[in-house]
Amino acid sequence: MAKEKTYRIVTRGKNGELRARDYEHQDAVLRMHTQIGIDDCSTDLTLRGMPVFRGLIGPMPEGKGVVRYETPEVFESLTKEWGATGSGRKSRRRVSG
């Protein structure tokens, strides 16, 4: 039998620190969050059919067997940080002529 996925919920604590809590079963997450659908369009095929919860962004892959969900505030702040770091590569423009 295949191992179930681990559901990781990432929130922000009162001091601003990131807090991640793992759940081994979807039922534990369903006790705290309302499922509003299922993912049917992810480019990561392992996420298709995973639940979508009200008030959380996700599902997102995070390592083997871990499905990550984030609060909108965490998603926004981490996306801004990720975008600000850049890749360290400079793009080159070709001059047509």
PDB file of N, CA and C in Angstrom:
ATOM      1  N   MET A   1       0.848  -1.190   0.000  1.00  0.00           N
ATOM      2  CA  MET A   1       0.000   0.000   0.000  1.00  0.00           C
ATOM      3  C   MET A   1       0.888   1.246   0.000  1.00  0.00           C
ATOM      4  N   ALA A   2       0.544   2.223  -0.820  1.00  0.00           N
ATOM      5  CA  ALA A   2       1.327   3.449  -0.921  1.00  0.00           C
ATOM      6  C   ALA A   2       1.159   4.300   0.332  1.00  0.00           C
ATOM      7  N   LYS A   3       2.252   4.951   0.731  1.00  0.00           N
ATOM      8  CA  LYS A   3       2.203   5.824   1.896  1.00  0.00           C
ATOM      9  C   LYS A   3       1.358   7.045   1.567  1.00  0.00           C
ATOM     10  N   GLU A   4       0.515   7.436   2.517  1.00  0.00           N
ATOM     11  CA  GLU A   4      -0.282   8.650   2.320  1.00  0.00           C
ATOM     12  C   GLU A   4       0.625   9.861   2.327  1.00  0.00           C
ATOM     13  N   LYS A   5       0.133  10.916   1.760  1.00  0.00           N
ATOM     14  CA  LYS A   5       0.889  12.161   1.753  1.00  0.00           C
ATOM     15  C   LYS A   5       0.826  12.824   3.124  1.00  0.00           C
ATOM     16  N   THR A   6       1.853  13.609   3.423  1.00  0.00           N
ATOM     17  CA  THR A   6       1.862  14.445   4.606  1.00  0.00           C
ATOM     18  C   THR A   6       1.348  15.815   4.187  1.00  0.00           C
ATOM     19  N   TYR A   7       0.415  16.351   4.953  1.00  0.00           N
ATOM     20  CA  TYR A   7      -0.154  17.667   4.680  1.00  0.00           C
ATOM     21  C   TYR A   7       0.534  18.672   5.592  1.00  0.00           C
ATOM     22  N   ARG A   8       1.223  19.664   5.003  1.00  0.00           N
ATOM     23  CA  ARG A   8       1.943  20.683   5.779  1.00  0.00           C
ATOM     24  C   ARG A   8       1.196  22.009   5.629  1.00  0.00           C
ATOM     25  N   ILE A   9       0.788  22.579   6.765  1.00  0.00           N
ATOM     26  CA  ILE A   9       0.107  23.877   6.792  1.00  0.00           C
ATOM     27  C   ILE A   9       1.102  24.898   7.348  1.00  0.00           C
ATOM     28  N   VAL A  10       1.378  25.961   6.574  1.00  0.00           N
ATOM     29  CA  VAL A  10       2.339  26.982   6.983  1.00  0.00           C
ATOM     30  C   VAL A  10       1.587  28.270   7.278  1.00  0.00           C
ATOM     31  N   THR A  11       1.781  28.774   8.487  1.00  0.00           N
ATOM     32  CA  THR A  11       1.142  30.011   8.939  1.00  0.00           C
ATOM     33  C   THR A  11       2.212  30.941   9.494  1.00  0.00           C
ATOM     34  N   ARG A  12       1.804  32.112   9.905  1.00  0.00           N
ATOM     35  CA  ARG A  12       2.723  33.074  10.517  1.00  0.00           C
ATOM     36  C   ARG A  12       2.332  33.211  11.980  1.00  0.00           C
ATOM     37  N   GLY A  13       3.322  33.100  12.877  1.00  0.00           N
ATOM     38  CA  GLY A  13       3.086  33.232  14.308  1.00  0.00           C
ATOM     39  C   GLY A  13       2.929  34.682  14.728  1.00  0.00           C
ATOM     40  N   LYS A  14       2.620  34.886  15.989  1.00  0.00           N
ATOM     41  CA  LYS A  14       2.397  36.245  16.493  1.00  0.00           C
ATOM     42  C   LYS A  14       3.638  37.120  16.392  1.00  0.00           C
ATOM     43  N   ASN A  15       4.840  36.529  16.509  1.00  0.00           N
ATOM     44  CA  ASN A  15       6.076  37.323  16.408  1.00  0.00           C
ATOM     45  C   ASN A  15       6.541  37.455  14.962  1.00  0.00           C
ATOM     46  N   GLY A  16       5.790  36.915  14.015  1.00  0.00           N
ATOM     47  CA  GLY A  16       6.154  37.015  12.616  1.00  0.00           C
ATOM     48  C   GLY A  16       6.903  35.816  12.074  1.00  0.00           C
ATOM     49  N   GLU A  17       7.212  34.849  12.936  1.00  0.00           N
ATOM     50  CA  GLU A  17       7.950  33.672  12.474  1.00  0.00           C
ATOM     51  C   GLU A  17       7.022  32.724  11.716  1.00  0.00           C
ATOM     52  N   LEU A  18       7.614  31.983  10.793  1.00  0.00           N
ATOM     53  CA  LEU A  18       6.848  30.981  10.060  1.00  0.00           C
ATOM     54  C   LEU A  18       6.639  29.764  10.944  1.00  0.00           C
ATOM     55  N   ARG A  19       5.438  29.225  10.904  1.00  0.00           N
ATOM     56  CA  ARG A  19       5.110  28.031  11.673  1.00  0.00           C
ATOM     57  C   ARG A  19       4.555  26.986  10.722  1.00  0.00           C
ATOM     58  N   ALA A  20       5.161  25.821  10.724  1.00  0.00           N
ATOM     59  CA  ALA A  20       4.697  24.725   9.867  1.00  0.00           C
ATOM     60  C   ALA A  20       4.215  23.590  10.761  1.00  0.00           C
ATOM     61  N   ARG A  21       3.070  23.044  10.421  1.00  0.00           N
ATOM     62  CA  ARG A  21       2.523  21.914  11.178  1.00  0.00           C
ATOM     63  C   ARG A  21       2.160  20.828  10.186  1.00  0.00           C
ATOM     64  N   ASP A  22       2.610  19.622  10.464  1.00  0.00           N
ATOM     65  CA  ASP A  22       2.372  18.490   9.574  1.00  0.00           C
ATOM     66  C   ASP A  22       1.245  17.615  10.092  1.00  0.00           C
ATOM     67  N   TYR A  23       0.458  17.123   9.161  1.00  0.00           N
ATOM     68  CA  TYR A  23      -0.647  16.216   9.461  1.00  0.00           C
ATOM     69  C   TYR A  23      -0.497  14.993   8.568  1.00  0.00           C
ATOM     70  N   GLU A  24      -0.644  13.831   9.155  1.00  0.00           N
ATOM     71  CA  GLU A  24      -0.480  12.587   8.407  1.00  0.00           C
ATOM     72  C   GLU A  24      -1.738  12.196   7.637  1.00  0.00           C
ATOM     73  N   HIS A  25      -2.872  12.733   8.039  1.00  0.00           N
ATOM     74  CA  HIS A  25      -4.123  12.353   7.392  1.00  0.00           C
ATOM     75  C   HIS A  25      -4.930  13.587   7.006  1.00  0.00           C
ATOM     76  N   GLN A  26      -5.579  13.508   5.883  1.00  0.00           N
ATOM     77  CA  GLN A  26      -6.413  14.605   5.393  1.00  0.00           C
ATOM     78  C   GLN A  26      -7.533  14.927   6.380  1.00  0.00           C
ATOM     79  N   ASP A  27      -8.036  13.934   7.089  1.00  0.00           N
ATOM     80  CA  ASP A  27      -9.133  14.152   8.035  1.00  0.00           C
ATOM     81  C   ASP A  27      -8.763  15.163   9.120  1.00  0.00           C
ATOM     82  N   ALA A  28      -7.512  15.162   9.550  1.00  0.00           N
ATOM     83  CA  ALA A  28      -7.069  16.116  10.573  1.00  0.00           C
ATOM     84  C   ALA A  28      -7.154  17.550  10.049  1.00  0.00           C
ATOM     85  N   VAL A  29      -6.810  17.739   8.796  1.00  0.00           N
ATOM     86  CA  VAL A  29      -6.890  19.076   8.194  1.00  0.00           C
ATOM     87  C   VAL A  29      -8.353  19.469   8.006  1.00  0.00           C
ATOM     88  N   LEU A  30      -9.185  18.502   7.632  1.00  0.00           N
ATOM     89  CA  LEU A  30     -10.616  18.779   7.411  1.00  0.00           C
ATOM     90  C   LEU A  30     -11.336  19.200   8.695  1.00  0.00           C
ATOM     91  N   ARG A  31     -10.790  18.860   9.843  1.00  0.00           N
ATOM     92  CA  ARG A  31     -11.409  19.302  11.108  1.00  0.00           C
ATOM     93  C   ARG A  31     -11.210  20.801  11.332  1.00  0.00           C
ATOM     94  N   MET A  32     -10.190  21.377  10.687  1.00  0.00           N
ATOM     95  CA  MET A  32      -9.878  22.796  10.883  1.00  0.00           C
ATOM     96  C   MET A  32     -10.222  23.665   9.687  1.00  0.00           C
ATOM     97  N   HIS A  33     -10.268  23.079   8.486  1.00  0.00           N
ATOM     98  CA  HIS A  33     -10.481  23.850   7.270  1.00  0.00           C
ATOM     99  C   HIS A  33     -11.570  23.193   6.429  1.00  0.00           C
ATOM    100  N   THR A  34     -12.325  24.013   5.732  1.00  0.00           N
ATOM    101  CA  THR A  34     -13.400  23.523   4.874  1.00  0.00           C
ATOM    102  C   THR A  34     -12.858  23.259   3.477  1.00  0.00           C
ATOM    103  N   GLN A  35     -13.080  22.058   2.980  1.00  0.00           N
ATOM    104  CA  GLN A  35     -12.682  21.731   1.622  1.00  0.00           C
ATOM    105  C   GLN A  35     -13.684  22.346   0.660  1.00  0.00           C
ATOM    106  N   ILE A  36     -13.167  23.087  -0.339  1.00  0.00           N
ATOM    107  CA  ILE A  36     -14.049  23.754  -1.296  1.00  0.00           C
ATOM    108  C   ILE A  36     -13.893  23.191  -2.703  1.00  0.00           C
ATOM    109  N   GLY A  37     -13.032  22.199  -2.861  1.00  0.00           N
ATOM    110  CA  GLY A  37     -12.850  21.595  -4.178  1.00  0.00           C
ATOM    111  C   GLY A  37     -11.655  20.673  -4.187  1.00  0.00           C
ATOM    112  N   ILE A  38     -11.277  20.289  -5.404  1.00  0.00           N
ATOM    113  CA  ILE A  38     -10.068  19.486  -5.575  1.00  0.00           C
ATOM    114  C   ILE A  38      -9.239  20.110  -6.684  1.00  0.00           C
ATOM    115  N   ASP A  39      -7.936  19.916  -6.612  1.00  0.00           N
ATOM    116  CA  ASP A  39      -7.043  20.435  -7.636  1.00  0.00           C
ATOM    117  C   ASP A  39      -7.199  19.575  -8.878  1.00  0.00           C
ATOM    118  N   ASP A  40      -7.544  20.214  -9.978  1.00  0.00           N
ATOM    119  CA  ASP A  40      -7.699  19.454 -11.218  1.00  0.00           C
ATOM    120  C   ASP A  40      -6.892  20.045 -12.363  1.00  0.00           C
ATOM    121  N   CYS A  41      -5.979  20.986 -12.051  1.00  0.00           N
ATOM    122  CA  CYS A  41      -5.239  21.618 -13.137  1.00  0.00           C
ATOM    123  C   CYS A  41      -3.754  21.802 -12.852  1.00  0.00           C
ATOM    124  N   SER A  42      -3.248  21.227 -11.776  1.00  0.00           N
ATOM    125  CA  SER A  42      -1.841  21.385 -11.450  1.00  0.00           C
ATOM    126  C   SER A  42      -0.966  20.759 -12.522  1.00  0.00           C
ATOM    127  N   THR A  43       0.147  21.423 -12.826  1.00  0.00           N
ATOM    128  CA  THR A  43       1.094  20.832 -13.762  1.00  0.00           C
ATOM    129  C   THR A  43       1.861  19.691 -13.108  1.00  0.00           C
ATOM    130  N   ASP A  44       1.894  19.653 -11.787  1.00  0.00           N
ATOM    131  CA  ASP A  44       2.476  18.532 -11.048  1.00  0.00           C
ATOM    132  C   ASP A  44       1.371  17.486 -10.888  1.00  0.00           C
ATOM    133  N   LEU A  45       1.474  16.426 -11.630  1.00  0.00           N
ATOM    134  CA  LEU A  45       0.398  15.435 -11.658  1.00  0.00           C
ATOM    135  C   LEU A  45       0.156  14.769 -10.313  1.00  0.00           C
ATOM    136  N   THR A  46       1.156  14.775  -9.425  1.00  0.00           N
ATOM    137  CA  THR A  46       0.950  14.167  -8.102  1.00  0.00           C
ATOM    138  C   THR A  46      -0.008  14.986  -7.242  1.00  0.00           C
ATOM    139  N   LEU A  47      -0.248  16.239  -7.626  1.00  0.00           N
ATOM    140  CA  LEU A  47      -1.151  17.098  -6.853  1.00  0.00           C
ATOM    141  C   LEU A  47      -2.591  17.047  -7.346  1.00  0.00           C
ATOM    142  N   ARG A  48      -2.792  16.523  -8.518  1.00  0.00           N
ATOM    143  CA  ARG A  48      -4.161  16.455  -9.048  1.00  0.00           C
ATOM    144  C   ARG A  48      -5.006  15.558  -8.156  1.00  0.00           C
ATOM    145  N   GLY A  49      -6.180  16.060  -7.814  1.00  0.00           N
ATOM    146  CA  GLY A  49      -7.078  15.334  -6.921  1.00  0.00           C
ATOM    147  C   GLY A  49      -6.884  15.681  -5.458  1.00  0.00           C
ATOM    148  N   MET A  50      -5.840  16.472  -5.136  1.00  0.00           N
ATOM    149  CA  MET A  50      -5.626  16.902  -3.756  1.00  0.00           C
ATOM    150  C   MET A  50      -6.683  17.948  -3.394  1.00  0.00           C
ATOM    151  N   PRO A  51      -7.049  18.023  -2.134  1.00  0.00           N
ATOM    152  CA  PRO A  51      -8.092  18.972  -1.733  1.00  0.00           C
ATOM    153  C   PRO A  51      -7.634  20.424  -1.818  1.00  0.00           C
ATOM    154  N   VAL A  52      -8.593  21.307  -2.071  1.00  0.00           N
ATOM    155  CA  VAL A  52      -8.400  22.761  -1.998  1.00  0.00           C
ATOM    156  C   VAL A  52      -9.227  23.222  -0.808  1.00  0.00           C
ATOM    157  N   PHE A  53      -8.601  23.999   0.090  1.00  0.00           N
ATOM    158  CA  PHE A  53      -9.261  24.422   1.321  1.00  0.00           C
ATOM    159  C   PHE A  53      -9.533  25.916   1.317  1.00  0.00           C
ATOM    160  N   ARG A  54     -10.669  26.302   1.881  1.00  0.00           N
ATOM    161  CA  ARG A  54     -11.007  27.718   2.034  1.00  0.00           C
ATOM    162  C   ARG A  54      -9.976  28.370   2.958  1.00  0.00           C
ATOM    163  N   GLY A  55      -9.443  29.513   2.540  1.00  0.00           N
ATOM    164  CA  GLY A  55      -8.514  30.269   3.371  1.00  0.00           C
ATOM    165  C   GLY A  55      -7.070  29.821   3.286  1.00  0.00           C
ATOM    166  N   LEU A  56      -6.764  28.855   2.417  1.00  0.00           N
ATOM    167  CA  LEU A  56      -5.383  28.402   2.249  1.00  0.00           C
ATOM    168  C   LEU A  56      -5.021  28.399   0.767  1.00  0.00           C
ATOM    169  N   ILE A  57      -3.767  28.683   0.472  1.00  0.00           N
ATOM    170  CA  ILE A  57      -3.243  28.609  -0.884  1.00  0.00           C
ATOM    171  C   ILE A  57      -2.577  27.241  -1.027  1.00  0.00           C
ATOM    172  N   GLY A  58      -2.929  26.530  -2.056  1.00  0.00           N
ATOM    173  CA  GLY A  58      -2.326  25.216  -2.278  1.00  0.00           C
ATOM    174  C   GLY A  58      -3.320  24.324  -2.970  1.00  0.00           C
ATOM    175  N   PRO A  59      -2.917  23.152  -3.254  1.00  0.00           N
ATOM    176  CA  PRO A  59      -1.725  22.426  -2.829  1.00  0.00           C
ATOM    177  C   PRO A  59      -0.480  22.793  -3.644  1.00  0.00           C
ATOM    178  N   MET A  60       0.686  22.662  -2.976  1.00  0.00           N
ATOM    179  CA  MET A  60       1.988  22.876  -3.606  1.00  0.00           C
ATOM    180  C   MET A  60       2.882  21.703  -3.216  1.00  0.00           C
ATOM    181  N   PRO A  61       3.753  21.267  -4.113  1.00  0.00           N
ATOM    182  CA  PRO A  61       4.661  20.183  -3.744  1.00  0.00           C
ATOM    183  C   PRO A  61       5.772  20.701  -2.840  1.00  0.00           C
ATOM    184  N   GLU A  62       6.154  19.910  -1.857  1.00  0.00           N
ATOM    185  CA  GLU A  62       7.297  20.264  -1.015  1.00  0.00           C
ATOM    186  C   GLU A  62       8.010  18.967  -0.632  1.00  0.00           C
ATOM    187  N   GLY A  63       8.871  18.549  -1.485  1.00  0.00           N
ATOM    188  CA  GLY A  63       9.599  17.316  -1.232  1.00  0.00           C
ATOM    189  C   GLY A  63       8.739  16.094  -1.524  1.00  0.00           C
ATOM    190  N   LYS A  64       9.345  14.952  -1.375  1.00  0.00           N
ATOM    191  CA  LYS A  64       8.656  13.702  -1.699  1.00  0.00           C
ATOM    192  C   LYS A  64       7.597  13.389  -0.647  1.00  0.00           C
ATOM    193  N   GLY A  65       6.352  13.289  -1.093  1.00  0.00           N
ATOM    194  CA  GLY A  65       5.273  12.893  -0.199  1.00  0.00           C
ATOM    195  C   GLY A  65       4.711  13.994   0.677  1.00  0.00           C
ATOM    196  N   VAL A  66       5.120  15.259   0.466  1.00  0.00           N
ATOM    197  CA  VAL A  66       4.620  16.367   1.285  1.00  0.00           C
ATOM    198  C   VAL A  66       3.837  17.325   0.400  1.00  0.00           C
ATOM    199  N   VAL A  67       2.617  17.626   0.821  1.00  0.00           N
ATOM    200  CA  VAL A  67       1.762  18.589   0.130  1.00  0.00           C
ATOM    201  C   VAL A  67       1.646  19.809   1.035  1.00  0.00           C
ATOM    202  N   ARG A  68       1.993  20.975   0.517  1.00  0.00           N
ATOM    203  CA  ARG A  68       2.067  22.202   1.323  1.00  0.00           C
ATOM    204  C   ARG A  68       0.882  23.109   1.029  1.00  0.00           C
ATOM    205  N   TYR A  69       0.364  23.704   2.085  1.00  0.00           N
ATOM    206  CA  TYR A  69      -0.664  24.741   2.007  1.00  0.00           C
ATOM    207  C   TYR A  69      -0.173  25.921   2.837  1.00  0.00           C
ATOM    208  N   GLU A  70      -0.458  27.135   2.378  1.00  0.00           N
ATOM    209  CA  GLU A  70      -0.043  28.333   3.096  1.00  0.00           C
ATOM    210  C   GLU A  70      -1.224  29.284   3.260  1.00  0.00           C
ATOM    211  N   THR A  71      -1.171  30.083   4.328  1.00  0.00           N
ATOM    212  CA  THR A  71      -2.159  31.146   4.455  1.00  0.00           C
ATOM    213  C   THR A  71      -1.841  32.180   3.370  1.00  0.00           C
ATOM    214  N   PRO A  72      -2.831  32.970   2.953  1.00  0.00           N
ATOM    215  CA  PRO A  72      -2.563  33.981   1.915  1.00  0.00           C
ATOM    216  C   PRO A  72      -1.437  34.949   2.300  1.00  0.00           C
ATOM    217  N   GLU A  73      -1.346  35.319   3.558  1.00  0.00           N
ATOM    218  CA  GLU A  73      -0.298  36.248   4.002  1.00  0.00           C
ATOM    219  C   GLU A  73       1.083  35.621   3.842  1.00  0.00           C
ATOM    220  N   VAL A  74       1.231  34.370   4.222  1.00  0.00           N
ATOM    221  CA  VAL A  74       2.516  33.675   4.078  1.00  0.00           C
ATOM    222  C   VAL A  74       2.857  33.536   2.598  1.00  0.00           C
ATOM    223  N   PHE A  75       1.894  33.134   1.791  1.00  0.00           N
ATOM    224  CA  PHE A  75       2.120  32.974   0.358  1.00  0.00           C
ATOM    225  C   PHE A  75       2.605  34.285  -0.259  1.00  0.00           C
ATOM    226  N   GLU A  76       1.944  35.382   0.071  1.00  0.00           N
ATOM    227  CA  GLU A  76       2.314  36.682  -0.492  1.00  0.00           C
ATOM    228  C   GLU A  76       3.718  37.097  -0.062  1.00  0.00           C
ATOM    229  N   SER A  77       4.030  36.968   1.222  1.00  0.00           N
ATOM    230  CA  SER A  77       5.344  37.407   1.702  1.00  0.00           C
ATOM    231  C   SER A  77       6.465  36.532   1.149  1.00  0.00           C
ATOM    232  N   LEU A  78       6.267  35.207   1.090  1.00  0.00           N
ATOM    233  CA  LEU A  78       7.310  34.333   0.553  1.00  0.00           C
ATOM    234  C   LEU A  78       7.490  34.544  -0.952  1.00  0.00           C
ATOM    235  N   THR A  79       6.414  34.833  -1.658  1.00  0.00           N
ATOM    236  CA  THR A  79       6.512  35.103  -3.089  1.00  0.00           C
ATOM    237  C   THR A  79       7.295  36.383  -3.327  1.00  0.00           C
ATOM    238  N   LYS A  80       7.045  37.408  -2.516  1.00  0.00           N
ATOM    239  CA  LYS A  80       7.795  38.661  -2.647  1.00  0.00           C
ATOM    240  C   LYS A  80       9.270  38.440  -2.357  1.00  0.00           C
ATOM    241  N   GLU A  81       9.592  37.664  -1.307  1.00  0.00           N
ATOM    242  CA  GLU A  81      10.990  37.368  -0.980  1.00  0.00           C
ATOM    243  C   GLU A  81      11.656  36.608  -2.123  1.00  0.00           C
ATOM    244  N   TRP A  82      10.959  35.620  -2.655  1.00  0.00           N
ATOM    245  CA  TRP A  82      11.494  34.810  -3.737  1.00  0.00           C
ATOM    246  C   TRP A  82      11.758  35.676  -4.969  1.00  0.00           C
ATOM    247  N   GLY A  83      10.836  36.571  -5.281  1.00  0.00           N
ATOM    248  CA  GLY A  83      10.994  37.443  -6.435  1.00  0.00           C
ATOM    249  C   GLY A  83      12.115  38.448  -6.267  1.00  0.00           C
ATOM    250  N   ALA A  84      12.378  38.865  -5.043  1.00  0.00           N
ATOM    251  CA  ALA A  84      13.410  39.866  -4.780  1.00  0.00           C
ATOM    252  C   ALA A  84      14.818  39.270  -4.842  1.00  0.00           C
ATOM    253  N   THR A  85      14.948  37.970  -4.635  1.00  0.00           N
ATOM    254  CA  THR A  85      16.285  37.364  -4.615  1.00  0.00           C
ATOM    255  C   THR A  85      16.884  37.251  -5.996  1.00  0.00           C
ATOM    256  N   GLY A  86      16.080  37.054  -7.023  1.00  0.00           N
ATOM    257  CA  GLY A  86      16.587  36.926  -8.385  1.00  0.00           C
ATOM    258  C   GLY A  86      17.390  35.659  -8.550  1.00  0.00           C
ATOM    259  N   SER A  87      17.795  35.383  -9.745  1.00  0.00           N
ATOM    260  CA  SER A  87      18.530  34.154 -10.030  1.00  0.00           C
ATOM    261  C   SER A  87      20.028  34.375 -10.088  1.00  0.00           C
ATOM    262  N   GLY A  88      20.478  35.629 -10.062  1.00  0.00           N
ATOM    263  CA  GLY A  88      21.903  35.898 -10.149  1.00  0.00           C
ATOM    264  C   GLY A  88      22.407  35.907 -11.584  1.00  0.00           C
ATOM    265  N   ARG A  89      21.545  35.602 -12.527  1.00  0.00           N
ATOM    266  CA  ARG A  89      21.925  35.610 -13.938  1.00  0.00           C
ATOM    267  C   ARG A  89      21.428  36.892 -14.583  1.00  0.00           C
ATOM    268  N   LYS A  90      22.210  37.382 -15.496  1.00  0.00           N
ATOM    269  CA  LYS A  90      21.785  38.564 -16.244  1.00  0.00           C
ATOM    270  C   LYS A  90      21.320  38.108 -17.610  1.00  0.00           C
ATOM    271  N   SER A  91      20.230  38.694 -18.056  1.00  0.00           N
ATOM    272  CA  SER A  91      19.749  38.328 -19.381  1.00  0.00           C
ATOM    273  C   SER A  91      20.484  39.168 -20.418  1.00  0.00           C
ATOM    274  N   ARG A  92      20.660  38.576 -21.575  1.00  0.00           N
ATOM    275  CA  ARG A  92      21.307  39.296 -22.670  1.00  0.00           C
ATOM    276  C   ARG A  92      20.274  39.547 -23.755  1.00  0.00           C
ATOM    277  N   ARG A  93      20.251  40.742 -24.220  1.00  0.00           N
ATOM    278  CA  ARG A  93      19.341  41.062 -25.323  1.00  0.00           C
ATOM    279  C   ARG A  93      20.128  40.941 -26.620  1.00  0.00           C
ATOM    280  N   ARG A  94      19.500  40.343 -27.547  1.00  0.00           N
ATOM    281  CA  ARG A  94      20.131  40.239 -28.881  1.00  0.00           C
ATOM    282  C   ARG A  94      19.680  41.435 -29.703  1.00  0.00           C
ATOM    283  N   VAL A  95      20.600  41.966 -30.384  1.00  0.00           N
ATOM    284  CA  VAL A  95      20.309  43.081 -31.272  1.00  0.00           C
ATOM    285  C   VAL A  95      20.116  42.521 -32.659  1.00  0.00           C
ATOM    286  N   SER A  96      18.922  42.737 -33.191  1.00  0.00           N
ATOM    287  CA  SER A  96      18.681  42.238 -34.554  1.00  0.00           C
ATOM    288  C   SER A  96      19.175  43.274 -35.548  1.00  0.00           C
ATOM    289  N   GLY A  97      19.675  42.804 -36.588  1.00  0.00           N
ATOM    290  CA  GLY A  97      20.150  43.787 -37.538  1.00  0.00           C
ATOM    291  C   GLY A  97      20.591  43.275 -38.810  1.00  0.00           C
TER     292      GLY A  97
END
